[in-house]
C-alpha cells in the first residue's frame, strides 16, 4: 500500500494525469522490478471543519504567516490521513493492514507532508519518500538536522531507526532552485553524519518538474516491501 501525495498547486489526480504513475508502476511490475501495490492519492489541502482559511494575499512564500498556515494545514492533513483515510482504506480494500506493508511518498509539498506524517507515525509507516520535498519545515530552517530533537528524535538512535524504517528516500533535481536543492542536500549530509541509513538520488538536469518526480517514483517503487 503506497500513499502517494501531490505537490502544491496540483490535485490528487496529478500523479496520474501528469506523473503517469500508473504506467510507471505497470511497467515496473511487468518487468518484475516492483511488487504489486495499491496506490492511494488523497488531496493534501486539509482544513478542519468550521475553520476559515487565513487571508495570505500579498504574503511572500516563506513568510511567518505562510509557514504558520502551511503547518496548520499539514497538522490537519496528518490527522486526516492517520485517523480517517488509513482506517477507511483498510476497511474498504483487501489490504495488508500493518506498517511493514504501508509506504508513503510525495512530491514537493507532498514530500514535506510525507516526512511530517510518516516520521511522526512509525507505528503506521515503514517506507518513506520525499521527492523534492524531504524534511518538511526543516527545509526552511537553513540549518542541519538535529537527530536528537528534530522529528521527535526518531533519528537519535540510527540502529533502532533502521530496524523500523526499511526505506528512507530523498532526492532532488540538479537544476532545481538553489535554496530547495541545498536544503535537501543539507538534510542528506546531516543524515550521513548521524549514521542514518537512507537513499539519496539526484535527477540529472531536471528542475522542479514532473520529469524529476517520475524518475523519483521509478527509483523508489522497486525498493518497497522487500523486507
N, C-alpha and C. Protein backbone atom coordinates (compact mmCIF):
# COMPACT_ATOMS: atom_id res chain seq x y z
N UNK A 1 0.85 -1.19 0.00
CA UNK A 1 0.00 0.00 0.00
C UNK A 1 0.89 1.24 0.00
N UNK A 2 0.77 2.06 -1.03
CA UNK A 2 1.54 3.30 -1.14
C UNK A 2 0.59 4.49 -1.14
N UNK A 3 0.77 5.38 -0.15
CA UNK A 3 0.07 6.65 -0.12
C UNK A 3 0.95 7.66 -0.83
N UNK A 4 0.50 8.17 -1.98
CA UNK A 4 1.33 8.98 -2.87
C UNK A 4 0.71 10.37 -3.02
N UNK A 5 1.45 11.38 -2.58
CA UNK A 5 0.89 12.73 -2.49
C UNK A 5 1.39 13.68 -3.58
N UNK A 6 0.49 14.57 -3.97
CA UNK A 6 0.78 15.59 -4.98
C UNK A 6 1.49 16.78 -4.36
N UNK A 7 1.84 17.75 -5.19
CA UNK A 7 2.51 18.96 -4.72
C UNK A 7 1.57 20.14 -4.65
N UNK A 8 2.10 21.27 -4.21
CA UNK A 8 1.31 22.49 -4.12
C UNK A 8 0.89 22.98 -5.50
N UNK A 9 -0.35 23.43 -5.61
CA UNK A 9 -0.89 23.88 -6.88
C UNK A 9 -1.41 22.75 -7.75
N UNK A 10 -1.23 21.50 -7.28
CA UNK A 10 -1.72 20.34 -8.01
C UNK A 10 -2.92 19.76 -7.26
N UNK A 11 -3.46 18.68 -7.78
CA UNK A 11 -4.56 17.97 -7.12
C UNK A 11 -4.20 16.49 -7.06
N UNK A 12 -5.06 15.73 -6.42
CA UNK A 12 -4.78 14.31 -6.24
C UNK A 12 -4.73 13.53 -7.55
N UNK A 13 -5.22 14.11 -8.65
CA UNK A 13 -5.15 13.45 -9.96
C UNK A 13 -3.81 13.68 -10.66
N UNK A 14 -2.96 14.54 -10.09
CA UNK A 14 -1.71 14.90 -10.76
C UNK A 14 -0.80 13.74 -11.07
N UNK A 15 -0.71 12.79 -10.12
CA UNK A 15 0.21 11.67 -10.33
C UNK A 15 -0.23 10.77 -11.48
N UNK A 16 -1.52 10.81 -11.86
CA UNK A 16 -1.99 10.03 -13.00
C UNK A 16 -1.93 10.87 -14.28
N UNK A 17 -2.49 12.08 -14.24
CA UNK A 17 -2.60 12.89 -15.44
C UNK A 17 -1.26 13.42 -15.92
N UNK A 18 -0.37 13.78 -14.99
CA UNK A 18 0.91 14.36 -15.38
C UNK A 18 2.10 13.46 -15.01
N UNK A 19 1.96 12.77 -13.89
CA UNK A 19 3.07 11.95 -13.43
C UNK A 19 3.13 10.57 -14.04
N UNK A 20 2.02 10.11 -14.63
CA UNK A 20 1.95 8.78 -15.27
C UNK A 20 2.36 7.66 -14.31
N UNK A 21 1.96 7.82 -13.05
CA UNK A 21 2.32 6.81 -12.05
C UNK A 21 1.78 5.44 -12.41
N UNK A 22 0.59 5.39 -13.02
CA UNK A 22 0.00 4.10 -13.40
C UNK A 22 0.86 3.38 -14.43
N UNK A 23 1.39 4.11 -15.40
CA UNK A 23 2.25 3.48 -16.42
C UNK A 23 3.60 3.08 -15.83
N UNK A 24 4.14 3.94 -14.98
CA UNK A 24 5.43 3.63 -14.35
C UNK A 24 5.33 2.34 -13.54
N UNK A 25 4.29 2.24 -12.70
CA UNK A 25 4.15 1.04 -11.87
C UNK A 25 3.79 -0.18 -12.71
N UNK A 26 2.93 -0.04 -13.72
CA UNK A 26 2.59 -1.17 -14.58
C UNK A 26 3.84 -1.73 -15.25
N UNK A 27 4.71 -0.85 -15.74
CA UNK A 27 5.92 -1.30 -16.41
C UNK A 27 6.89 -1.96 -15.44
N UNK A 28 7.03 -1.39 -14.24
CA UNK A 28 7.92 -1.97 -13.24
C UNK A 28 7.42 -3.35 -12.81
N UNK A 29 6.12 -3.46 -12.59
CA UNK A 29 5.56 -4.75 -12.17
C UNK A 29 5.69 -5.79 -13.28
N UNK A 30 5.41 -5.38 -14.52
CA UNK A 30 5.52 -6.31 -15.65
C UNK A 30 6.95 -6.80 -15.83
N UNK A 31 7.93 -5.94 -15.50
CA UNK A 31 9.34 -6.32 -15.63
C UNK A 31 9.85 -7.08 -14.42
N UNK A 32 8.98 -7.28 -13.43
CA UNK A 32 9.39 -7.98 -12.22
C UNK A 32 10.28 -7.16 -11.31
N UNK A 33 10.28 -5.84 -11.49
CA UNK A 33 11.15 -4.97 -10.72
C UNK A 33 10.47 -4.37 -9.49
N UNK A 34 9.17 -4.48 -9.42
CA UNK A 34 8.42 -3.88 -8.31
C UNK A 34 7.32 -4.83 -7.87
N UNK A 35 7.01 -4.77 -6.58
CA UNK A 35 5.90 -5.55 -6.04
C UNK A 35 4.57 -4.90 -6.46
N UNK A 36 3.55 -5.68 -6.74
CA UNK A 36 2.22 -5.09 -6.96
C UNK A 36 1.78 -4.35 -5.69
N UNK A 37 1.07 -3.26 -5.87
CA UNK A 37 0.64 -2.48 -4.71
C UNK A 37 -0.58 -1.65 -5.06
N UNK A 38 -1.37 -1.35 -4.04
CA UNK A 38 -2.45 -0.38 -4.16
C UNK A 38 -1.86 1.00 -3.90
N UNK A 39 -2.23 1.97 -4.75
CA UNK A 39 -1.76 3.34 -4.56
C UNK A 39 -2.95 4.23 -4.23
N UNK A 40 -2.83 4.97 -3.14
CA UNK A 40 -3.87 5.89 -2.70
C UNK A 40 -3.35 7.31 -2.89
N UNK A 41 -4.13 8.14 -3.58
CA UNK A 41 -3.75 9.53 -3.81
C UNK A 41 -4.84 10.43 -3.23
N UNK A 42 -4.52 11.17 -2.20
CA UNK A 42 -5.51 12.00 -1.50
C UNK A 42 -5.19 13.47 -1.66
N UNK A 43 -6.20 14.30 -1.52
CA UNK A 43 -5.98 15.75 -1.55
C UNK A 43 -5.19 16.18 -0.33
N UNK A 44 -4.15 16.97 -0.55
CA UNK A 44 -3.32 17.42 0.56
C UNK A 44 -3.77 18.72 1.18
N UNK A 45 -4.86 19.31 0.68
CA UNK A 45 -5.33 20.60 1.20
C UNK A 45 -6.36 20.36 2.30
N UNK A 46 -5.87 19.99 3.45
CA UNK A 46 -6.75 19.64 4.56
C UNK A 46 -7.16 20.89 5.34
N UNK A 47 -8.42 20.92 5.73
CA UNK A 47 -8.95 22.04 6.52
C UNK A 47 -9.94 21.50 7.54
N UNK A 48 -9.80 21.94 8.76
CA UNK A 48 -10.69 21.46 9.82
C UNK A 48 -12.09 22.02 9.63
N UNK A 49 -13.07 21.21 9.93
CA UNK A 49 -14.46 21.63 9.77
C UNK A 49 -14.74 22.89 10.58
N UNK A 50 -15.36 23.86 9.95
CA UNK A 50 -15.73 25.10 10.62
C UNK A 50 -14.65 26.16 10.64
N UNK A 51 -13.43 25.82 10.19
CA UNK A 51 -12.35 26.80 10.20
C UNK A 51 -12.39 27.66 8.94
N UNK A 52 -11.79 28.83 9.01
CA UNK A 52 -11.73 29.75 7.87
C UNK A 52 -10.29 29.88 7.41
N UNK A 53 -10.01 29.66 6.13
CA UNK A 53 -8.63 29.79 5.64
C UNK A 53 -8.11 31.20 5.87
N UNK A 54 -6.86 31.36 6.28
CA UNK A 54 -6.30 32.69 6.51
C UNK A 54 -6.14 33.45 5.20
N UNK A 55 -6.22 34.77 5.27
CA UNK A 55 -6.01 35.62 4.11
C UNK A 55 -4.51 35.86 3.95
N UNK A 56 -3.92 35.23 2.94
CA UNK A 56 -2.47 35.33 2.74
C UNK A 56 -2.12 36.18 1.53
N UNK A 57 -3.08 36.97 1.07
CA UNK A 57 -2.84 37.82 -0.10
C UNK A 57 -1.67 38.76 0.17
N UNK A 58 -0.70 38.75 -0.72
CA UNK A 58 0.46 39.62 -0.60
C UNK A 58 1.54 39.10 0.31
N UNK A 59 1.31 37.97 0.98
CA UNK A 59 2.33 37.41 1.88
C UNK A 59 3.28 36.52 1.06
N UNK A 60 4.57 36.79 1.11
CA UNK A 60 5.51 36.00 0.30
C UNK A 60 5.68 34.59 0.85
N UNK A 61 5.99 33.67 -0.05
CA UNK A 61 6.27 32.30 0.37
C UNK A 61 7.48 32.30 1.30
N UNK A 62 7.35 31.59 2.41
CA UNK A 62 8.42 31.56 3.40
C UNK A 62 8.24 32.56 4.52
N UNK A 63 7.23 33.44 4.41
CA UNK A 63 6.96 34.40 5.48
C UNK A 63 6.37 33.67 6.68
N UNK A 64 6.47 34.25 7.88
CA UNK A 64 5.92 33.59 9.07
C UNK A 64 4.44 33.25 8.92
N UNK A 65 3.67 34.14 8.29
CA UNK A 65 2.24 33.90 8.14
C UNK A 65 1.98 32.69 7.23
N UNK A 66 2.74 32.60 6.14
CA UNK A 66 2.55 31.48 5.21
C UNK A 66 3.01 30.17 5.85
N UNK A 67 4.15 30.20 6.54
CA UNK A 67 4.64 28.99 7.17
C UNK A 67 3.70 28.50 8.27
N UNK A 68 3.12 29.43 9.01
CA UNK A 68 2.15 29.06 10.05
C UNK A 68 0.92 28.41 9.43
N UNK A 69 0.43 28.98 8.32
CA UNK A 69 -0.74 28.41 7.64
C UNK A 69 -0.43 27.03 7.08
N UNK A 70 0.78 26.87 6.52
CA UNK A 70 1.18 25.57 5.99
C UNK A 70 1.25 24.53 7.10
N UNK A 71 1.81 24.91 8.24
CA UNK A 71 1.95 23.96 9.34
C UNK A 71 0.58 23.52 9.85
N UNK A 72 -0.35 24.46 9.93
CA UNK A 72 -1.70 24.11 10.39
C UNK A 72 -2.37 23.16 9.40
N UNK A 73 -2.20 23.45 8.10
CA UNK A 73 -2.79 22.56 7.09
C UNK A 73 -2.17 21.17 7.19
N UNK A 74 -0.85 21.11 7.41
CA UNK A 74 -0.18 19.82 7.50
C UNK A 74 -0.60 19.06 8.76
N UNK A 75 -0.79 19.78 9.86
CA UNK A 75 -1.27 19.11 11.09
C UNK A 75 -2.66 18.52 10.87
N UNK A 76 -3.50 19.26 10.16
CA UNK A 76 -4.84 18.76 9.85
C UNK A 76 -4.76 17.56 8.91
N UNK A 77 -3.86 17.65 7.92
CA UNK A 77 -3.67 16.55 6.99
C UNK A 77 -3.17 15.30 7.72
N UNK A 78 -2.27 15.49 8.67
CA UNK A 78 -1.76 14.39 9.50
C UNK A 78 -2.93 13.65 10.16
N UNK A 79 -3.83 14.39 10.77
CA UNK A 79 -4.99 13.77 11.42
C UNK A 79 -5.90 13.08 10.40
N UNK A 80 -6.09 13.73 9.25
CA UNK A 80 -6.97 13.15 8.23
C UNK A 80 -6.43 11.82 7.72
N UNK A 81 -5.11 11.75 7.50
CA UNK A 81 -4.51 10.52 6.99
C UNK A 81 -4.57 9.40 8.03
N UNK A 82 -4.13 9.72 9.24
CA UNK A 82 -3.97 8.67 10.25
C UNK A 82 -5.27 8.26 10.92
N UNK A 83 -6.20 9.19 11.05
CA UNK A 83 -7.43 8.89 11.78
C UNK A 83 -8.62 8.56 10.87
N UNK A 84 -8.55 9.00 9.62
CA UNK A 84 -9.70 8.81 8.72
C UNK A 84 -9.32 7.98 7.49
N UNK A 85 -8.31 8.42 6.74
CA UNK A 85 -8.02 7.80 5.46
C UNK A 85 -7.52 6.36 5.58
N UNK A 86 -6.53 6.13 6.42
CA UNK A 86 -5.99 4.77 6.54
C UNK A 86 -7.05 3.79 7.04
N UNK A 87 -7.80 4.11 8.10
CA UNK A 87 -8.86 3.18 8.50
C UNK A 87 -9.88 2.93 7.39
N UNK A 88 -10.23 3.98 6.64
CA UNK A 88 -11.20 3.82 5.56
C UNK A 88 -10.68 2.87 4.48
N UNK A 89 -9.42 3.06 4.08
CA UNK A 89 -8.83 2.21 3.04
C UNK A 89 -8.74 0.77 3.51
N UNK A 90 -8.31 0.57 4.74
CA UNK A 90 -8.15 -0.80 5.25
C UNK A 90 -9.50 -1.51 5.42
N UNK A 91 -10.55 -0.73 5.67
CA UNK A 91 -11.89 -1.33 5.79
C UNK A 91 -12.52 -1.61 4.43
N UNK A 92 -12.09 -0.88 3.40
CA UNK A 92 -12.75 -0.94 2.10
C UNK A 92 -12.06 -1.90 1.13
N UNK A 93 -10.74 -1.99 1.22
CA UNK A 93 -9.99 -2.80 0.26
C UNK A 93 -9.27 -3.95 0.97
N UNK A 94 -8.83 -4.91 0.18
CA UNK A 94 -8.13 -6.08 0.73
C UNK A 94 -6.65 -5.73 0.91
N UNK A 95 -6.38 -4.97 1.93
CA UNK A 95 -5.02 -4.53 2.22
C UNK A 95 -4.36 -5.47 3.23
N UNK A 96 -3.04 -5.37 3.31
CA UNK A 96 -2.30 -5.97 4.42
C UNK A 96 -2.11 -4.84 5.41
N UNK A 97 -2.91 -4.82 6.43
CA UNK A 97 -3.03 -3.64 7.30
C UNK A 97 -1.99 -3.64 8.42
N UNK A 98 -0.72 -3.57 8.02
CA UNK A 98 0.33 -3.41 9.02
C UNK A 98 1.40 -2.46 8.48
N UNK A 99 2.24 -1.96 9.36
CA UNK A 99 3.21 -0.93 9.00
C UNK A 99 4.22 -1.42 7.97
N UNK A 100 4.59 -2.71 8.01
CA UNK A 100 5.57 -3.23 7.07
C UNK A 100 5.05 -3.26 5.64
N UNK A 101 3.73 -3.15 5.49
CA UNK A 101 3.11 -3.17 4.17
C UNK A 101 2.53 -1.81 3.79
N UNK A 102 3.02 -0.77 4.45
CA UNK A 102 2.47 0.57 4.20
C UNK A 102 3.61 1.55 3.96
N UNK A 103 3.52 2.28 2.85
CA UNK A 103 4.53 3.27 2.47
C UNK A 103 3.85 4.61 2.20
N UNK A 104 4.65 5.67 2.26
CA UNK A 104 4.15 6.99 1.91
C UNK A 104 5.25 7.75 1.18
N UNK A 105 4.84 8.54 0.20
CA UNK A 105 5.79 9.38 -0.54
C UNK A 105 5.02 10.54 -1.14
N UNK A 106 5.75 11.57 -1.55
CA UNK A 106 5.10 12.71 -2.17
C UNK A 106 6.12 13.61 -2.82
N UNK A 107 5.62 14.49 -3.69
CA UNK A 107 6.50 15.44 -4.37
C UNK A 107 6.30 16.84 -3.79
N UNK A 108 7.38 17.58 -3.67
CA UNK A 108 7.35 18.96 -3.21
C UNK A 108 6.55 19.07 -1.90
N UNK A 109 5.42 19.79 -1.90
CA UNK A 109 4.60 19.90 -0.69
C UNK A 109 4.23 18.52 -0.16
N UNK A 110 3.90 17.59 -1.05
CA UNK A 110 3.54 16.24 -0.63
C UNK A 110 4.70 15.51 0.01
N UNK A 111 5.93 15.82 -0.42
CA UNK A 111 7.10 15.22 0.22
C UNK A 111 7.31 15.76 1.62
N UNK A 112 7.08 17.06 1.78
CA UNK A 112 7.17 17.67 3.12
C UNK A 112 6.12 17.05 4.04
N UNK A 113 4.89 16.92 3.54
CA UNK A 113 3.83 16.31 4.34
C UNK A 113 4.16 14.86 4.68
N UNK A 114 4.75 14.15 3.74
CA UNK A 114 5.12 12.76 3.98
C UNK A 114 6.09 12.64 5.14
N UNK A 115 7.11 13.47 5.14
CA UNK A 115 8.10 13.39 6.23
C UNK A 115 7.46 13.72 7.57
N UNK A 116 6.54 14.68 7.60
CA UNK A 116 5.88 15.01 8.86
C UNK A 116 4.98 13.86 9.32
N UNK A 117 4.14 13.37 8.43
CA UNK A 117 3.17 12.34 8.81
C UNK A 117 3.87 11.04 9.14
N UNK A 118 4.68 10.54 8.22
CA UNK A 118 5.26 9.20 8.39
C UNK A 118 6.25 9.14 9.54
N UNK A 119 7.11 10.15 9.69
CA UNK A 119 8.09 10.12 10.78
C UNK A 119 7.43 10.30 12.14
N UNK A 120 6.28 10.92 12.16
CA UNK A 120 5.53 11.05 13.42
C UNK A 120 4.68 9.82 13.72
N UNK A 121 4.58 8.91 12.75
CA UNK A 121 3.72 7.74 12.92
C UNK A 121 4.43 6.49 12.40
N UNK A 122 5.56 6.18 13.00
CA UNK A 122 6.28 4.98 12.59
C UNK A 122 5.55 3.71 13.00
N UNK A 123 4.50 3.84 13.78
CA UNK A 123 3.63 2.69 14.04
C UNK A 123 2.77 2.36 12.84
N UNK A 124 2.69 3.28 11.86
CA UNK A 124 1.86 3.09 10.67
C UNK A 124 2.66 2.91 9.39
N UNK A 125 3.86 3.50 9.31
CA UNK A 125 4.63 3.50 8.07
C UNK A 125 6.04 2.98 8.29
N UNK A 126 6.55 2.23 7.29
CA UNK A 126 7.93 1.74 7.36
C UNK A 126 8.73 2.09 6.10
N UNK A 127 8.10 2.76 5.13
CA UNK A 127 8.78 3.19 3.90
C UNK A 127 8.39 4.65 3.67
N UNK A 128 9.39 5.52 3.50
CA UNK A 128 9.14 6.96 3.47
C UNK A 128 9.93 7.58 2.33
N UNK A 129 9.26 8.39 1.48
CA UNK A 129 9.94 9.01 0.35
C UNK A 129 9.59 10.47 0.17
N UNK A 130 10.61 11.30 0.01
CA UNK A 130 10.41 12.72 -0.25
C UNK A 130 11.04 13.11 -1.58
N UNK A 131 10.21 13.47 -2.57
CA UNK A 131 10.67 13.84 -3.89
C UNK A 131 10.69 15.37 -3.97
N UNK A 132 11.85 15.98 -3.91
CA UNK A 132 11.98 17.45 -3.91
C UNK A 132 11.24 18.09 -2.74
N UNK A 133 11.07 17.36 -1.66
CA UNK A 133 10.34 17.91 -0.53
C UNK A 133 10.68 17.26 0.78
N UNK A 134 11.75 16.49 0.82
CA UNK A 134 12.11 15.80 2.06
C UNK A 134 12.49 16.80 3.15
N UNK A 135 12.07 16.49 4.37
CA UNK A 135 12.48 17.32 5.50
C UNK A 135 11.42 18.22 6.07
N UNK A 136 10.33 18.42 5.34
CA UNK A 136 9.27 19.25 5.89
C UNK A 136 9.74 20.66 6.20
N UNK A 137 9.30 21.20 7.32
CA UNK A 137 9.63 22.56 7.69
C UNK A 137 11.13 22.77 7.92
N UNK A 138 11.87 21.68 8.14
CA UNK A 138 13.32 21.81 8.33
C UNK A 138 13.98 22.41 7.11
N UNK A 139 13.37 22.24 5.92
CA UNK A 139 13.94 22.80 4.70
C UNK A 139 14.03 24.31 4.76
N UNK A 140 13.14 24.94 5.51
CA UNK A 140 13.13 26.40 5.59
C UNK A 140 13.97 26.95 6.73
N UNK A 141 14.52 26.05 7.56
CA UNK A 141 15.22 26.49 8.76
C UNK A 141 16.66 26.88 8.51
N UNK A 142 17.21 26.52 7.35
CA UNK A 142 18.59 26.86 6.98
C UNK A 142 19.59 26.38 8.03
N UNK A 143 19.42 25.16 8.48
CA UNK A 143 20.33 24.56 9.45
C UNK A 143 20.36 23.05 9.26
N UNK A 144 21.35 22.43 9.86
CA UNK A 144 21.45 20.98 9.77
C UNK A 144 20.42 20.31 10.68
N UNK A 145 20.14 19.07 10.36
CA UNK A 145 19.26 18.25 11.18
C UNK A 145 19.89 18.01 12.56
N UNK A 146 19.08 18.12 13.60
CA UNK A 146 19.49 17.71 14.94
C UNK A 146 18.82 16.38 15.22
N UNK A 147 19.55 15.27 15.11
CA UNK A 147 18.91 13.96 15.23
C UNK A 147 18.27 13.70 16.58
N UNK A 148 18.69 14.43 17.61
CA UNK A 148 18.14 14.19 18.94
C UNK A 148 16.81 14.90 19.19
N UNK A 149 16.55 15.96 18.42
CA UNK A 149 15.35 16.74 18.69
C UNK A 149 14.39 16.83 17.51
N UNK A 150 14.90 16.94 16.29
CA UNK A 150 14.03 17.07 15.12
C UNK A 150 13.22 15.80 14.91
N UNK A 151 12.01 15.97 14.40
CA UNK A 151 11.09 14.85 14.15
C UNK A 151 10.93 13.98 15.41
N UNK A 152 10.82 14.67 16.53
CA UNK A 152 10.60 14.00 17.83
C UNK A 152 11.71 13.00 18.17
N UNK A 153 12.90 13.23 17.60
CA UNK A 153 14.04 12.41 17.97
C UNK A 153 14.10 11.04 17.34
N UNK A 154 13.38 10.81 16.22
CA UNK A 154 13.36 9.47 15.63
C UNK A 154 14.73 9.06 15.08
N UNK A 155 15.60 10.04 14.81
CA UNK A 155 16.92 9.72 14.27
C UNK A 155 18.00 9.60 15.35
N UNK A 156 17.62 9.74 16.60
CA UNK A 156 18.61 9.75 17.69
C UNK A 156 19.36 8.43 17.80
N UNK A 157 18.69 7.33 17.50
CA UNK A 157 19.29 6.00 17.55
C UNK A 157 19.23 5.42 16.13
N UNK A 158 20.29 5.59 15.32
CA UNK A 158 20.25 5.14 13.92
C UNK A 158 19.99 3.65 13.77
N UNK A 159 20.53 2.83 14.66
CA UNK A 159 20.33 1.38 14.56
C UNK A 159 18.87 1.02 14.79
N UNK A 160 18.25 1.64 15.79
CA UNK A 160 16.84 1.38 16.06
C UNK A 160 15.97 1.90 14.91
N UNK A 161 16.34 3.04 14.34
CA UNK A 161 15.58 3.60 13.22
C UNK A 161 15.64 2.66 12.02
N UNK A 162 16.83 2.11 11.74
CA UNK A 162 17.00 1.21 10.59
C UNK A 162 16.16 -0.05 10.73
N UNK A 163 15.92 -0.49 11.95
CA UNK A 163 15.10 -1.68 12.16
C UNK A 163 13.62 -1.39 11.89
N UNK A 164 13.22 -0.15 12.08
CA UNK A 164 11.81 0.20 11.92
C UNK A 164 11.50 0.71 10.52
N UNK A 165 12.41 1.48 9.94
CA UNK A 165 12.17 2.09 8.63
C UNK A 165 13.00 1.36 7.58
N UNK A 166 12.32 0.67 6.68
CA UNK A 166 13.01 -0.15 5.68
C UNK A 166 13.57 0.70 4.55
N UNK A 167 12.90 1.80 4.22
CA UNK A 167 13.38 2.71 3.18
C UNK A 167 13.12 4.15 3.61
N UNK A 168 14.18 4.93 3.66
CA UNK A 168 14.06 6.39 3.82
C UNK A 168 14.70 6.99 2.58
N UNK A 169 13.89 7.60 1.73
CA UNK A 169 14.34 8.04 0.40
C UNK A 169 14.21 9.55 0.30
N UNK A 170 15.21 10.20 -0.27
CA UNK A 170 15.11 11.62 -0.58
C UNK A 170 15.87 11.91 -1.86
N UNK A 171 15.37 12.86 -2.62
CA UNK A 171 16.02 13.19 -3.88
C UNK A 171 15.58 14.54 -4.39
N UNK A 172 16.34 15.03 -5.38
CA UNK A 172 16.11 16.37 -5.91
C UNK A 172 16.70 16.43 -7.31
N UNK A 173 16.18 17.32 -8.15
CA UNK A 173 16.75 17.55 -9.46
C UNK A 173 17.93 18.50 -9.38
N UNK A 174 18.95 18.25 -10.19
CA UNK A 174 20.15 19.09 -10.11
C UNK A 174 19.92 20.50 -10.63
N UNK A 175 18.84 20.75 -11.36
CA UNK A 175 18.53 22.08 -11.87
C UNK A 175 17.43 22.77 -11.07
N UNK A 176 17.06 22.21 -9.92
CA UNK A 176 16.01 22.83 -9.11
C UNK A 176 16.53 24.12 -8.46
N UNK A 177 15.62 24.98 -7.96
CA UNK A 177 16.05 26.22 -7.31
C UNK A 177 17.09 25.96 -6.23
N UNK A 178 18.08 26.84 -6.16
CA UNK A 178 19.23 26.61 -5.29
C UNK A 178 18.85 26.40 -3.83
N UNK A 179 17.92 27.21 -3.31
CA UNK A 179 17.56 27.08 -1.91
C UNK A 179 16.96 25.73 -1.59
N UNK A 180 16.06 25.26 -2.44
CA UNK A 180 15.43 23.97 -2.23
C UNK A 180 16.46 22.84 -2.39
N UNK A 181 17.27 22.96 -3.44
CA UNK A 181 18.28 21.93 -3.71
C UNK A 181 19.25 21.80 -2.55
N UNK A 182 19.72 22.94 -2.05
CA UNK A 182 20.69 22.90 -0.96
C UNK A 182 20.05 22.41 0.33
N UNK A 183 18.77 22.73 0.56
CA UNK A 183 18.09 22.25 1.76
C UNK A 183 18.04 20.73 1.81
N UNK A 184 17.77 20.11 0.66
CA UNK A 184 17.69 18.65 0.62
C UNK A 184 19.08 18.03 0.69
N UNK A 185 20.05 18.65 0.02
CA UNK A 185 21.43 18.16 0.13
C UNK A 185 21.94 18.27 1.57
N UNK A 186 21.56 19.35 2.24
CA UNK A 186 21.97 19.53 3.64
C UNK A 186 21.37 18.44 4.52
N UNK A 187 20.10 18.09 4.27
CA UNK A 187 19.48 17.01 5.02
C UNK A 187 20.20 15.69 4.76
N UNK A 188 20.54 15.44 3.51
CA UNK A 188 21.28 14.23 3.15
C UNK A 188 22.61 14.16 3.91
N UNK A 189 23.35 15.27 3.92
CA UNK A 189 24.63 15.29 4.64
C UNK A 189 24.44 15.09 6.14
N UNK A 190 23.38 15.67 6.67
CA UNK A 190 23.10 15.53 8.11
C UNK A 190 22.78 14.08 8.46
N UNK A 191 22.00 13.42 7.60
CA UNK A 191 21.68 12.03 7.85
C UNK A 191 22.93 11.15 7.76
N UNK A 192 23.78 11.44 6.79
CA UNK A 192 25.05 10.71 6.69
C UNK A 192 25.88 10.90 7.95
N UNK A 193 25.99 12.13 8.40
CA UNK A 193 26.78 12.45 9.58
C UNK A 193 26.23 11.74 10.82
N UNK A 194 24.92 11.63 10.89
CA UNK A 194 24.28 10.98 12.04
C UNK A 194 24.28 9.46 11.92
N UNK A 195 24.70 8.93 10.78
CA UNK A 195 24.73 7.48 10.59
C UNK A 195 23.38 6.87 10.31
N UNK A 196 22.45 7.66 9.76
CA UNK A 196 21.10 7.18 9.47
C UNK A 196 21.07 6.60 8.05
N UNK A 197 20.68 5.35 7.92
CA UNK A 197 20.59 4.72 6.60
C UNK A 197 19.49 5.39 5.78
N UNK A 198 19.83 5.74 4.54
CA UNK A 198 18.86 6.35 3.65
C UNK A 198 19.34 6.24 2.22
N UNK A 199 18.44 6.53 1.29
CA UNK A 199 18.76 6.55 -0.14
C UNK A 199 18.67 8.00 -0.61
N UNK A 200 19.72 8.47 -1.28
CA UNK A 200 19.71 9.83 -1.82
C UNK A 200 19.98 9.76 -3.31
N UNK A 201 19.09 10.35 -4.11
CA UNK A 201 19.20 10.30 -5.57
C UNK A 201 19.02 11.70 -6.14
N UNK A 202 19.90 12.08 -7.06
CA UNK A 202 19.75 13.33 -7.79
C UNK A 202 19.36 13.03 -9.23
N UNK A 203 18.35 13.74 -9.71
CA UNK A 203 17.91 13.61 -11.10
C UNK A 203 18.69 14.62 -11.93
N UNK A 204 19.55 14.12 -12.79
CA UNK A 204 20.46 14.98 -13.53
C UNK A 204 19.73 15.83 -14.56
N UNK A 205 19.96 17.16 -14.46
CA UNK A 205 19.48 18.09 -15.46
C UNK A 205 18.02 18.47 -15.39
N UNK A 206 17.30 18.03 -14.34
CA UNK A 206 15.87 18.34 -14.27
C UNK A 206 15.58 19.33 -13.15
N UNK A 207 14.54 20.09 -13.33
CA UNK A 207 14.15 21.17 -12.42
C UNK A 207 13.02 20.68 -11.50
N UNK A 208 12.28 21.64 -10.92
CA UNK A 208 11.13 21.32 -10.07
C UNK A 208 9.98 20.98 -11.00
N UNK A 209 10.00 19.76 -11.54
CA UNK A 209 9.12 19.40 -12.65
C UNK A 209 8.82 17.91 -12.60
N UNK A 210 7.84 17.52 -13.42
CA UNK A 210 7.36 16.14 -13.37
C UNK A 210 8.42 15.13 -13.79
N UNK A 211 9.37 15.49 -14.66
CA UNK A 211 10.38 14.51 -15.03
C UNK A 211 11.23 14.11 -13.82
N UNK A 212 11.51 15.06 -12.93
CA UNK A 212 12.23 14.75 -11.69
C UNK A 212 11.44 13.74 -10.87
N UNK A 213 10.14 13.96 -10.74
CA UNK A 213 9.32 13.14 -9.84
C UNK A 213 8.96 11.79 -10.46
N UNK A 214 8.85 11.73 -11.78
CA UNK A 214 8.67 10.43 -12.43
C UNK A 214 9.90 9.55 -12.19
N UNK A 215 11.07 10.15 -12.35
CA UNK A 215 12.31 9.40 -12.11
C UNK A 215 12.39 8.96 -10.64
N UNK A 216 11.95 9.85 -9.75
CA UNK A 216 11.98 9.51 -8.32
C UNK A 216 11.09 8.30 -8.03
N UNK A 217 9.87 8.32 -8.56
CA UNK A 217 8.96 7.20 -8.34
C UNK A 217 9.52 5.92 -8.94
N UNK A 218 10.13 6.01 -10.11
CA UNK A 218 10.71 4.83 -10.76
C UNK A 218 11.83 4.23 -9.92
N UNK A 219 12.56 5.05 -9.18
CA UNK A 219 13.61 4.53 -8.31
C UNK A 219 13.07 4.05 -6.97
N UNK A 220 12.07 4.76 -6.45
CA UNK A 220 11.53 4.48 -5.12
C UNK A 220 10.68 3.21 -5.09
N UNK A 221 9.77 3.07 -6.05
CA UNK A 221 8.80 1.97 -6.01
C UNK A 221 9.45 0.57 -5.94
N UNK A 222 10.51 0.29 -6.71
CA UNK A 222 11.10 -1.05 -6.62
C UNK A 222 11.72 -1.38 -5.27
N UNK A 223 11.94 -0.39 -4.44
CA UNK A 223 12.55 -0.62 -3.13
C UNK A 223 11.52 -1.01 -2.06
N UNK A 224 10.24 -0.89 -2.40
CA UNK A 224 9.19 -1.07 -1.39
C UNK A 224 8.86 -2.54 -1.15
N UNK A 225 8.60 -2.82 0.11
CA UNK A 225 8.02 -4.11 0.54
C UNK A 225 8.92 -5.31 0.19
N UNK A 226 10.24 -5.09 0.30
CA UNK A 226 11.21 -6.15 0.03
C UNK A 226 11.65 -6.86 1.28
N UNK A 227 11.39 -6.29 2.45
CA UNK A 227 11.85 -6.88 3.71
C UNK A 227 10.86 -7.94 4.21
